[in-house]
Amino acid sequence: ENLAKSLAKIRGEVETLQMQLDLEKEKHGSRISALNSQLAD
């Protein structure tokens, strides 16, 4: 039971980190697009 709880907690942490990583990737992509636009200007 303790092992199952630990696995569930780790799985939740992994999902949270994955969401944060996806968000950072999206922010990075938006920033690169903005910088490319400014570079063109």
PDB file of all heavy atoms in Angstrom:
ATOM      1  N   GLU A   1       0.837  -1.212   0.000  1.00  0.00           N
ATOM      2  CA  GLU A   1       0.000   0.000   0.000  1.00  0.00           C
ATOM      3  C   GLU A   1       0.865   1.253   0.000  1.00  0.00           C
ATOM      4  O   GLU A   1       0.592   2.219  -0.737  1.00  0.00           O
ATOM      5  CB  GLU A   1      -0.913  -0.010   1.217  1.00  0.00           C
ATOM      6  CG  GLU A   1      -1.877   1.175   1.243  1.00  0.00           C
ATOM      7  CD  GLU A   1      -2.788   1.114   2.452  1.00  0.00           C
ATOM      8  OE1 GLU A   1      -2.763   0.095   3.179  1.00  0.00           O
ATOM      9  OE2 GLU A   1      -3.519   2.095   2.668  1.00  0.00           O
ATOM     10  N   ASN A   2       1.921   1.247   0.830  1.00  0.00           N
ATOM     11  CA  ASN A   2       2.844   2.387   0.866  1.00  0.00           C
ATOM     12  C   ASN A   2       3.555   2.577  -0.474  1.00  0.00           C
ATOM     13  O   ASN A   2       3.756   3.702  -0.941  1.00  0.00           O
ATOM     14  CB  ASN A   2       3.872   2.200   1.975  1.00  0.00           C
ATOM     15  CG  ASN A   2       3.256   2.302   3.361  1.00  0.00           C
ATOM     16  OD1 ASN A   2       2.198   2.920   3.525  1.00  0.00           O
ATOM     17  ND2 ASN A   2       3.895   1.677   4.356  1.00  0.00           N
ATOM     18  N   LEU A   3       3.940   1.436  -1.083  1.00  0.00           N
ATOM     19  CA  LEU A   3       4.613   1.497  -2.377  1.00  0.00           C
ATOM     20  C   LEU A   3       3.677   2.078  -3.444  1.00  0.00           C
ATOM     21  O   LEU A   3       4.082   2.895  -4.269  1.00  0.00           O
ATOM     22  CB  LEU A   3       5.068   0.095  -2.789  1.00  0.00           C
ATOM     23  CG  LEU A   3       5.800  -0.002  -4.145  1.00  0.00           C
ATOM     24  CD1 LEU A   3       7.055   0.861  -4.133  1.00  0.00           C
ATOM     25  CD2 LEU A   3       6.160  -1.464  -4.443  1.00  0.00           C
ATOM     26  N   ALA A   4       2.406   1.661  -3.390  1.00  0.00           N
ATOM     27  CA  ALA A   4       1.432   2.176  -4.352  1.00  0.00           C
ATOM     28  C   ALA A   4       1.247   3.679  -4.169  1.00  0.00           C
ATOM     29  O   ALA A   4       1.146   4.431  -5.146  1.00  0.00           O
ATOM     30  CB  ALA A   4       0.103   1.448  -4.184  1.00  0.00           C
ATOM     31  N   LYS A   5       1.197   4.127  -2.918  1.00  0.00           N
ATOM     32  CA  LYS A   5       1.051   5.559  -2.663  1.00  0.00           C
ATOM     33  C   LYS A   5       2.260   6.338  -3.178  1.00  0.00           C
ATOM     34  O   LYS A   5       2.127   7.417  -3.750  1.00  0.00           O
ATOM     35  CB  LYS A   5       0.873   5.797  -1.160  1.00  0.00           C
ATOM     36  CG  LYS A   5      -0.477   5.366  -0.624  1.00  0.00           C
ATOM     37  CD  LYS A   5      -0.574   5.633   0.869  1.00  0.00           C
ATOM     38  CE  LYS A   5      -1.944   5.232   1.411  1.00  0.00           C
ATOM     39  NZ  LYS A   5      -2.039   5.483   2.872  1.00  0.00           N
ATOM     40  N   SER A   6       3.460   5.756  -2.953  1.00  0.00           N
ATOM     41  CA  SER A   6       4.683   6.406  -3.429  1.00  0.00           C
ATOM     42  C   SER A   6       4.690   6.506  -4.953  1.00  0.00           C
ATOM     43  O   SER A   6       5.055   7.541  -5.527  1.00  0.00           O
ATOM     44  CB  SER A   6       5.916   5.637  -2.950  1.00  0.00           C
ATOM     45  OG  SER A   6       5.992   5.641  -1.532  1.00  0.00           O
ATOM     46  N   LEU A   7       4.288   5.419  -5.619  1.00  0.00           N
ATOM     47  CA  LEU A   7       4.236   5.426  -7.083  1.00  0.00           C
ATOM     48  C   LEU A   7       3.237   6.450  -7.600  1.00  0.00           C
ATOM     49  O   LEU A   7       3.493   7.152  -8.589  1.00  0.00           O
ATOM     50  CB  LEU A   7       3.884   4.031  -7.600  1.00  0.00           C
ATOM     51  CG  LEU A   7       4.974   2.959  -7.457  1.00  0.00           C
ATOM     52  CD1 LEU A   7       4.431   1.593  -7.863  1.00  0.00           C
ATOM     53  CD2 LEU A   7       6.188   3.320  -8.303  1.00  0.00           C
ATOM     54  N   ALA A   8       2.081   6.529  -6.921  1.00  0.00           N
ATOM     55  CA  ALA A   8       1.073   7.501  -7.335  1.00  0.00           C
ATOM     56  C   ALA A   8       1.591   8.927  -7.170  1.00  0.00           C
ATOM     57  O   ALA A   8       1.368   9.796  -8.015  1.00  0.00           O
ATOM     58  CB  ALA A   8      -0.205   7.305  -6.514  1.00  0.00           C
ATOM     59  N   LYS A   9       2.321   9.150  -6.063  1.00  0.00           N
ATOM     60  CA  LYS A   9       2.887  10.478  -5.821  1.00  0.00           C
ATOM     61  C   LYS A   9       3.936  10.826  -6.878  1.00  0.00           C
ATOM     62  O   LYS A   9       3.954  11.937  -7.432  1.00  0.00           O
ATOM     63  CB  LYS A   9       3.521  10.526  -4.440  1.00  0.00           C
ATOM     64  CG  LYS A   9       4.104  11.882  -4.077  1.00  0.00           C
ATOM     65  CD  LYS A   9       4.708  11.862  -2.685  1.00  0.00           C
ATOM     66  CE  LYS A   9       5.317  13.231  -2.354  1.00  0.00           C
ATOM     67  NZ  LYS A   9       5.946  13.223  -1.001  1.00  0.00           N
ATOM     68  N   ILE A  10       4.803   9.845  -7.190  1.00  0.00           N
ATOM     69  CA  ILE A  10       5.844  10.075  -8.202  1.00  0.00           C
ATOM     70  C   ILE A  10       5.209  10.318  -9.569  1.00  0.00           C
ATOM     71  O   ILE A  10       5.643  11.192 -10.320  1.00  0.00           O
ATOM     72  CB  ILE A  10       6.806   8.861  -8.257  1.00  0.00           C
ATOM     73  CG1 ILE A  10       7.626   8.787  -6.954  1.00  0.00           C
ATOM     74  CG2 ILE A  10       7.741   8.968  -9.454  1.00  0.00           C
ATOM     75  CD1 ILE A  10       8.450   7.522  -6.825  1.00  0.00           C
ATOM     76  N   ARG A  11       4.158   9.537  -9.873  1.00  0.00           N
ATOM     77  CA  ARG A  11       3.478   9.709 -11.154  1.00  0.00           C
ATOM     78  C   ARG A  11       2.881  11.117 -11.261  1.00  0.00           C
ATOM     79  O   ARG A  11       2.958  11.774 -12.298  1.00  0.00           O
ATOM     80  CB  ARG A  11       2.380   8.660 -11.313  1.00  0.00           C
ATOM     81  CG  ARG A  11       1.737   8.662 -12.711  1.00  0.00           C
ATOM     82  CD  ARG A  11       0.648   7.608 -12.841  1.00  0.00           C
ATOM     83  NE  ARG A  11       1.188   6.261 -12.701  1.00  0.00           N
ATOM     84  CZ  ARG A  11       0.943   5.459 -11.662  1.00  0.00           C
ATOM     85  NH1 ARG A  11       0.170   5.875 -10.669  1.00  0.00           N
ATOM     86  NH2 ARG A  11       1.459   4.251 -11.614  1.00  0.00           N
ATOM     87  N   GLY A  12       2.307  11.592 -10.160  1.00  0.00           N
ATOM     88  CA  GLY A  12       1.758  12.942 -10.145  1.00  0.00           C
ATOM     89  C   GLY A  12       2.832  14.001 -10.344  1.00  0.00           C
ATOM     90  O   GLY A  12       2.632  14.982 -11.079  1.00  0.00           O
ATOM     91  N   GLU A  13       3.996  13.785  -9.693  1.00  0.00           N
ATOM     92  CA  GLU A  13       5.096  14.730  -9.844  1.00  0.00           C
ATOM     93  C   GLU A  13       5.625  14.735 -11.274  1.00  0.00           C
ATOM     94  O   GLU A  13       5.945  15.802 -11.834  1.00  0.00           O
ATOM     95  CB  GLU A  13       6.216  14.386  -8.863  1.00  0.00           C
ATOM     96  CG  GLU A  13       5.850  14.641  -7.408  1.00  0.00           C
ATOM     97  CD  GLU A  13       6.936  14.179  -6.446  1.00  0.00           C
ATOM     98  OE1 GLU A  13       7.882  13.511  -6.922  1.00  0.00           O
ATOM     99  OE2 GLU A  13       6.836  14.476  -5.255  1.00  0.00           O
ATOM    100  N   VAL A  14       5.697  13.553 -11.878  1.00  0.00           N
ATOM    101  CA  VAL A  14       6.155  13.451 -13.270  1.00  0.00           C
ATOM    102  C   VAL A  14       5.193  14.174 -14.205  1.00  0.00           C
ATOM    103  O   VAL A  14       5.608  14.906 -15.120  1.00  0.00           O
ATOM    104  CB  VAL A  14       6.304  11.972 -13.685  1.00  0.00           C
ATOM    105  CG1 VAL A  14       6.522  11.857 -15.197  1.00  0.00           C
ATOM    106  CG2 VAL A  14       7.470  11.329 -12.940  1.00  0.00           C
ATOM    107  N   GLU A  15       3.897  13.984 -13.995  1.00  0.00           N
ATOM    108  CA  GLU A  15       2.905  14.659 -14.831  1.00  0.00           C
ATOM    109  C   GLU A  15       2.996  16.175 -14.680  1.00  0.00           C
ATOM    110  O   GLU A  15       2.887  16.918 -15.657  1.00  0.00           O
ATOM    111  CB  GLU A  15       1.506  14.171 -14.466  1.00  0.00           C
ATOM    112  CG  GLU A  15       1.237  12.719 -14.876  1.00  0.00           C
ATOM    113  CD  GLU A  15      -0.127  12.244 -14.415  1.00  0.00           C
ATOM    114  OE1 GLU A  15      -0.802  12.997 -13.667  1.00  0.00           O
ATOM    115  OE2 GLU A  15      -0.517  11.126 -14.782  1.00  0.00           O
ATOM    116  N   THR A  16       3.208  16.640 -13.425  1.00  0.00           N
ATOM    117  CA  THR A  16       3.345  18.078 -13.184  1.00  0.00           C
ATOM    118  C   THR A  16       4.573  18.630 -13.897  1.00  0.00           C
ATOM    119  O   THR A  16       4.524  19.681 -14.544  1.00  0.00           O
ATOM    120  CB  THR A  16       3.459  18.360 -11.676  1.00  0.00           C
ATOM    121  OG1 THR A  16       2.272  17.898 -11.015  1.00  0.00           O
ATOM    122  CG2 THR A  16       3.625  19.859 -11.421  1.00  0.00           C
ATOM    123  N   LEU A  17       5.707  17.906 -13.778  1.00  0.00           N
ATOM    124  CA  LEU A  17       6.933  18.332 -14.453  1.00  0.00           C
ATOM    125  C   LEU A  17       6.780  18.322 -15.963  1.00  0.00           C
ATOM    126  O   LEU A  17       7.298  19.211 -16.654  1.00  0.00           O
ATOM    127  CB  LEU A  17       8.100  17.423 -14.034  1.00  0.00           C
ATOM    128  CG  LEU A  17       8.575  17.570 -12.584  1.00  0.00           C
ATOM    129  CD1 LEU A  17       9.618  16.506 -12.268  1.00  0.00           C
ATOM    130  CD2 LEU A  17       9.161  18.964 -12.354  1.00  0.00           C
ATOM    131  N   GLN A  18       6.045  17.344 -16.491  1.00  0.00           N
ATOM    132  CA  GLN A  18       5.822  17.276 -17.932  1.00  0.00           C
ATOM    133  C   GLN A  18       5.000  18.474 -18.406  1.00  0.00           C
ATOM    134  O   GLN A  18       5.279  19.065 -19.457  1.00  0.00           O
ATOM    135  CB  GLN A  18       5.103  15.970 -18.290  1.00  0.00           C
ATOM    136  CG  GLN A  18       4.908  15.763 -19.788  1.00  0.00           C
ATOM    137  CD  GLN A  18       6.230  15.649 -20.532  1.00  0.00           C
ATOM    138  OE1 GLN A  18       7.107  14.918 -20.128  1.00  0.00           O
ATOM    139  NE2 GLN A  18       6.367  16.407 -21.615  1.00  0.00           N
ATOM    140  N   MET A  19       3.987  18.831 -17.600  1.00  0.00           N
ATOM    141  CA  MET A  19       3.163  19.991 -17.941  1.00  0.00           C
ATOM    142  C   MET A  19       4.005  21.274 -17.925  1.00  0.00           C
ATOM    143  O   MET A  19       3.889  22.126 -18.812  1.00  0.00           O
ATOM    144  CB  MET A  19       1.991  20.122 -16.959  1.00  0.00           C
ATOM    145  CG  MET A  19       0.935  19.043 -17.116  1.00  0.00           C
ATOM    146  SD  MET A  19      -0.366  19.168 -15.864  1.00  0.00           S
ATOM    147  CE  MET A  19      -1.019  20.787 -16.220  1.00  0.00           C
ATOM    148  N   GLN A  20       4.874  21.393 -16.912  1.00  0.00           N
ATOM    149  CA  GLN A  20       5.757  22.559 -16.831  1.00  0.00           C
ATOM    150  C   GLN A  20       6.713  22.602 -18.018  1.00  0.00           C
ATOM    151  O   GLN A  20       6.979  23.664 -18.581  1.00  0.00           O
ATOM    152  CB  GLN A  20       6.530  22.535 -15.515  1.00  0.00           C
ATOM    153  CG  GLN A  20       5.661  22.751 -14.284  1.00  0.00           C
ATOM    154  CD  GLN A  20       6.450  22.638 -12.992  1.00  0.00           C
ATOM    155  OE1 GLN A  20       7.633  22.266 -12.994  1.00  0.00           O
ATOM    156  NE2 GLN A  20       5.809  22.942 -11.878  1.00  0.00           N
ATOM    157  N   LEU A  21       7.244  21.429 -18.391  1.00  0.00           N
ATOM    158  CA  LEU A  21       8.150  21.355 -19.531  1.00  0.00           C
ATOM    159  C   LEU A  21       7.445  21.753 -20.815  1.00  0.00           C
ATOM    160  O   LEU A  21       7.990  22.523 -21.624  1.00  0.00           O
ATOM    161  CB  LEU A  21       8.709  19.931 -19.653  1.00  0.00           C
ATOM    162  CG  LEU A  21       9.652  19.671 -20.837  1.00  0.00           C
ATOM    163  CD1 LEU A  21      10.875  20.571 -20.747  1.00  0.00           C
ATOM    164  CD2 LEU A  21      10.067  18.199 -20.881  1.00  0.00           C
ATOM    165  N   ASP A  22       6.219  21.258 -21.013  1.00  0.00           N
ATOM    166  CA  ASP A  22       5.451  21.619 -22.211  1.00  0.00           C
ATOM    167  C   ASP A  22       5.175  23.114 -22.251  1.00  0.00           C
ATOM    168  O   ASP A  22       5.247  23.748 -23.317  1.00  0.00           O
ATOM    169  CB  ASP A  22       4.137  20.840 -22.246  1.00  0.00           C
ATOM    170  CG  ASP A  22       4.350  19.343 -22.458  1.00  0.00           C
ATOM    171  OD1 ASP A  22       5.440  18.961 -22.926  1.00  0.00           O
ATOM    172  OD2 ASP A  22       3.433  18.566 -22.129  1.00  0.00           O
ATOM    173  N   LEU A  23       4.870  23.689 -21.070  1.00  0.00           N
ATOM    174  CA  LEU A  23       4.593  25.132 -20.995  1.00  0.00           C
ATOM    175  C   LEU A  23       5.838  25.939 -21.325  1.00  0.00           C
ATOM    176  O   LEU A  23       5.775  26.938 -22.067  1.00  0.00           O
ATOM    177  CB  LEU A  23       4.083  25.491 -19.595  1.00  0.00           C
ATOM    178  CG  LEU A  23       3.696  26.955 -19.366  1.00  0.00           C
ATOM    179  CD1 LEU A  23       2.582  27.354 -20.322  1.00  0.00           C
ATOM    180  CD2 LEU A  23       3.264  27.181 -17.918  1.00  0.00           C
ATOM    181  N   GLU A  24       6.986  25.506 -20.809  1.00  0.00           N
ATOM    182  CA  GLU A  24       8.245  26.205 -21.087  1.00  0.00           C
ATOM    183  C   GLU A  24       8.610  26.093 -22.570  1.00  0.00           C
ATOM    184  O   GLU A  24       9.112  27.044 -23.157  1.00  0.00           O
ATOM    185  CB  GLU A  24       9.377  25.633 -20.219  1.00  0.00           C
ATOM    186  CG  GLU A  24       9.277  25.983 -18.747  1.00  0.00           C
ATOM    187  CD  GLU A  24       9.328  27.475 -18.521  1.00  0.00           C
ATOM    188  OE1 GLU A  24      10.106  28.175 -19.216  1.00  0.00           O
ATOM    189  OE2 GLU A  24       8.569  27.971 -17.668  1.00  0.00           O
ATOM    190  N   LYS A  25       8.348  24.927 -23.164  1.00  0.00           N
ATOM    191  CA  LYS A  25       8.605  24.763 -24.594  1.00  0.00           C
ATOM    192  C   LYS A  25       7.743  25.729 -25.400  1.00  0.00           C
ATOM    193  O   LYS A  25       8.198  26.340 -26.375  1.00  0.00           O
ATOM    194  CB  LYS A  25       8.307  23.319 -25.021  1.00  0.00           C
ATOM    195  CG  LYS A  25       9.358  22.306 -24.602  1.00  0.00           C
ATOM    196  CD  LYS A  25       8.988  20.924 -25.111  1.00  0.00           C
ATOM    197  CE  LYS A  25      10.055  19.901 -24.759  1.00  0.00           C
ATOM    198  NZ  LYS A  25       9.693  18.541 -25.224  1.00  0.00           N
ATOM    199  N   GLU A  26       6.470  25.858 -24.993  1.00  0.00           N
ATOM    200  CA  GLU A  26       5.557  26.773 -25.692  1.00  0.00           C
ATOM    201  C   GLU A  26       6.027  28.217 -25.537  1.00  0.00           C
ATOM    202  O   GLU A  26       6.032  28.983 -26.506  1.00  0.00           O
ATOM    203  CB  GLU A  26       4.154  26.609 -25.123  1.00  0.00           C
ATOM    204  CG  GLU A  26       3.111  27.446 -25.844  1.00  0.00           C
ATOM    205  CD  GLU A  26       1.706  27.211 -25.297  1.00  0.00           C
ATOM    206  OE1 GLU A  26       1.528  26.240 -24.522  1.00  0.00           O
ATOM    207  OE2 GLU A  26       0.801  27.990 -25.639  1.00  0.00           O
ATOM    208  N   LYS A  27       6.440  28.596 -24.314  1.00  0.00           N
ATOM    209  CA  LYS A  27       6.945  29.954 -24.078  1.00  0.00           C
ATOM    210  C   LYS A  27       8.200  30.207 -24.908  1.00  0.00           C
ATOM    211  O   LYS A  27       8.375  31.280 -25.483  1.00  0.00           O
ATOM    212  CB  LYS A  27       7.251  30.160 -22.595  1.00  0.00           C
ATOM    213  CG  LYS A  27       6.025  30.273 -21.706  1.00  0.00           C
ATOM    214  CD  LYS A  27       6.439  30.508 -20.263  1.00  0.00           C
ATOM    215  CE  LYS A  27       5.238  30.663 -19.357  1.00  0.00           C
ATOM    216  NZ  LYS A  27       5.631  30.865 -17.940  1.00  0.00           N
ATOM    217  N   HIS A  28       9.081  29.208 -24.934  1.00  0.00           N
ATOM    218  CA  HIS A  28      10.326  29.345 -25.691  1.00  0.00           C
ATOM    219  C   HIS A  28      10.029  29.522 -27.178  1.00  0.00           C
ATOM    220  O   HIS A  28      10.630  30.371 -27.853  1.00  0.00           O
ATOM    221  CB  HIS A  28      11.199  28.117 -25.468  1.00  0.00           C
ATOM    222  CG  HIS A  28      12.508  28.157 -26.211  1.00  0.00           C
ATOM    223  ND1 HIS A  28      13.515  29.026 -25.882  1.00  0.00           N
ATOM    224  CD2 HIS A  28      12.949  27.447 -27.293  1.00  0.00           C
ATOM    225  CE1 HIS A  28      14.530  28.851 -26.716  1.00  0.00           C
ATOM    226  NE2 HIS A  28      14.205  27.893 -27.571  1.00  0.00           N
ATOM    227  N   GLY A  29       9.068  28.727 -27.680  1.00  0.00           N
ATOM    228  CA  GLY A  29       8.709  28.845 -29.087  1.00  0.00           C
ATOM    229  C   GLY A  29       8.142  30.223 -29.409  1.00  0.00           C
ATOM    230  O   GLY A  29       8.470  30.816 -30.440  1.00  0.00           O
ATOM    231  N   SER A  30       7.291  30.740 -28.499  1.00  0.00           N
ATOM    232  CA  SER A  30       6.713  32.071 -28.706  1.00  0.00           C
ATOM    233  C   SER A  30       7.796  33.138 -28.682  1.00  0.00           C
ATOM    234  O   SER A  30       7.781  34.088 -29.473  1.00  0.00           O
ATOM    235  CB  SER A  30       5.665  32.361 -27.629  1.00  0.00           C
ATOM    236  OG  SER A  30       4.609  31.429 -27.687  1.00  0.00           O
ATOM    237  N   ARG A  31       8.749  32.988 -27.761  1.00  0.00           N
ATOM    238  CA  ARG A  31       9.829  33.972 -27.646  1.00  0.00           C
ATOM    239  C   ARG A  31      10.708  33.957 -28.902  1.00  0.00           C
ATOM    240  O   ARG A  31      11.108  35.010 -29.411  1.00  0.00           O
ATOM    241  CB  ARG A  31      10.672  33.669 -26.412  1.00  0.00           C
ATOM    242  CG  ARG A  31      11.802  34.667 -26.192  1.00  0.00           C
ATOM    243  CD  ARG A  31      12.449  34.468 -24.841  1.00  0.00           C
ATOM    244  NE  ARG A  31      13.589  35.349 -24.662  1.00  0.00           N
ATOM    245  CZ  ARG A  31      13.511  36.626 -24.367  1.00  0.00           C
ATOM    246  NH1 ARG A  31      12.314  37.190 -24.220  1.00  0.00           N
ATOM    247  NH2 ARG A  31      14.590  37.370 -24.216  1.00  0.00           N
ATOM    248  N   ILE A  32      11.007  32.759 -29.405  1.00  0.00           N
ATOM    249  CA  ILE A  32      11.811  32.650 -30.623  1.00  0.00           C
ATOM    250  C   ILE A  32      11.094  33.310 -31.792  1.00  0.00           C
ATOM    251  O   ILE A  32      11.698  34.033 -32.598  1.00  0.00           O
ATOM    252  CB  ILE A  32      12.116  31.171 -30.939  1.00  0.00           C
ATOM    253  CG1 ILE A  32      13.075  30.577 -29.879  1.00  0.00           C
ATOM    254  CG2 ILE A  32      12.736  31.042 -32.324  1.00  0.00           C
ATOM    255  CD1 ILE A  32      14.436  31.242 -29.837  1.00  0.00           C
ATOM    256  N   SER A  33       9.774  33.092 -31.887  1.00  0.00           N
ATOM    257  CA  SER A  33       8.998  33.713 -32.964  1.00  0.00           C
ATOM    258  C   SER A  33       9.039  35.225 -32.858  1.00  0.00           C
ATOM    259  O   SER A  33       9.195  35.932 -33.863  1.00  0.00           O
ATOM    260  CB  SER A  33       7.544  33.219 -32.913  1.00  0.00           C
ATOM    261  OG  SER A  33       7.474  31.821 -33.123  1.00  0.00           O
ATOM    262  N   ALA A  34       8.896  35.735 -31.608  1.00  0.00           N
ATOM    263  CA  ALA A  34       8.929  37.182 -31.406  1.00  0.00           C
ATOM    264  C   ALA A  34      10.294  37.751 -31.761  1.00  0.00           C
ATOM    265  O   ALA A  34      10.400  38.811 -32.398  1.00  0.00           O
ATOM    266  CB  ALA A  34       8.576  37.510 -29.954  1.00  0.00           C
ATOM    267  N   LEU A  35      11.353  37.045 -31.358  1.00  0.00           N
ATOM    268  CA  LEU A  35      12.703  37.512 -31.656  1.00  0.00           C
ATOM    269  C   LEU A  35      12.973  37.490 -33.157  1.00  0.00           C
ATOM    270  O   LEU A  35      13.625  38.392 -33.696  1.00  0.00           O
ATOM    271  CB  LEU A  35      13.733  36.647 -30.918  1.00  0.00           C
ATOM    272  CG  LEU A  35      13.799  36.846 -29.400  1.00  0.00           C
ATOM    273  CD1 LEU A  35      14.760  35.834 -28.775  1.00  0.00           C
ATOM    274  CD2 LEU A  35      14.238  38.265 -29.049  1.00  0.00           C
ATOM    275  N   ASN A  36      12.475  36.455 -33.844  1.00  0.00           N
ATOM    276  CA  ASN A  36      12.646  36.388 -35.302  1.00  0.00           C
ATOM    277  C   ASN A  36      11.923  37.544 -35.982  1.00  0.00           C
ATOM    278  O   ASN A  36      12.420  38.121 -36.958  1.00  0.00           O
ATOM    279  CB  ASN A  36      12.121  35.055 -35.831  1.00  0.00           C
ATOM    280  CG  ASN A  36      13.050  33.899 -35.512  1.00  0.00           C
ATOM    281  OD1 ASN A  36      14.260  34.100 -35.343  1.00  0.00           O
ATOM    282  ND2 ASN A  36      12.514  32.697 -35.426  1.00  0.00           N
ATOM    283  N   SER A  37      10.740  37.887 -35.451  1.00  0.00           N
ATOM    284  CA  SER A  37       9.990  39.017 -36.009  1.00  0.00           C
ATOM    285  C   SER A  37      10.749  40.324 -35.807  1.00  0.00           C
ATOM    286  O   SER A  37      10.848  41.151 -36.717  1.00  0.00           O
ATOM    287  CB  SER A  37       8.611  39.104 -35.351  1.00  0.00           C
ATOM    288  OG  SER A  37       7.903  40.232 -35.805  1.00  0.00           O
ATOM    289  N   GLN A  38      11.301  40.507 -34.594  1.00  0.00           N
ATOM    290  CA  GLN A  38      12.064  41.723 -34.317  1.00  0.00           C
ATOM    291  C   GLN A  38      13.329  41.772 -35.166  1.00  0.00           C
ATOM    292  O   GLN A  38      13.735  42.841 -35.635  1.00  0.00           O
ATOM    293  CB  GLN A  38      12.421  41.786 -32.834  1.00  0.00           C
ATOM    294  CG  GLN A  38      11.219  41.977 -31.928  1.00  0.00           C
ATOM    295  CD  GLN A  38      11.608  42.139 -30.476  1.00  0.00           C
ATOM    296  OE1 GLN A  38      12.709  42.580 -30.167  1.00  0.00           O
ATOM    297  NE2 GLN A  38      10.708  41.787 -29.577  1.00  0.00           N
ATOM    298  N   LEU A  39      13.955  40.606 -35.358  1.00  0.00           N
ATOM    299  CA  LEU A  39      15.161  40.557 -36.189  1.00  0.00           C
ATOM    300  C   LEU A  39      14.837  40.972 -37.622  1.00  0.00           C
ATOM    301  O   LEU A  39      15.618  41.687 -38.267  1.00  0.00           O
ATOM    302  CB  LEU A  39      15.746  39.140 -36.165  1.00  0.00           C
ATOM    303  CG  LEU A  39      17.041  38.926 -36.966  1.00  0.00           C
ATOM    304  CD1 LEU A  39      18.156  39.829 -36.450  1.00  0.00           C
ATOM    305  CD2 LEU A  39      17.469  37.465 -36.900  1.00  0.00           C
ATOM    306  N   ALA A  40      13.676  40.544 -38.100  1.00  0.00           N
ATOM    307  CA  ALA A  40      13.261  40.937 -39.449  1.00  0.00           C
ATOM    308  C   ALA A  40      13.048  42.449 -39.524  1.00  0.00           C
ATOM    309  O   ALA A  40      13.453  43.095 -40.494  1.00  0.00           O
ATOM    310  CB  ALA A  40      11.976  40.198 -39.826  1.00  0.00           C
ATOM    311  N   ASP A  41      12.421  43.013 -38.481  1.00  0.00           N
ATOM    312  CA  ASP A  41      12.218  44.470 -38.444  1.00  0.00           C
ATOM    313  C   ASP A  41      13.558  45.209 -38.476  1.00  0.00           C
ATOM    314  O   ASP A  41      13.729  46.196 -39.197  1.00  0.00           O
ATOM    315  CB  ASP A  41      11.451  44.872 -37.184  1.00  0.00           C
ATOM    316  CG  ASP A  41      10.003  44.408 -37.217  1.00  0.00           C
ATOM    317  OD1 ASP A  41       9.501  44.164 -38.320  1.00  0.00           O
ATOM    318  OD2 ASP A  41       9.396  44.296 -36.139  1.00  0.00           O
TER     319      ASP A  41
END
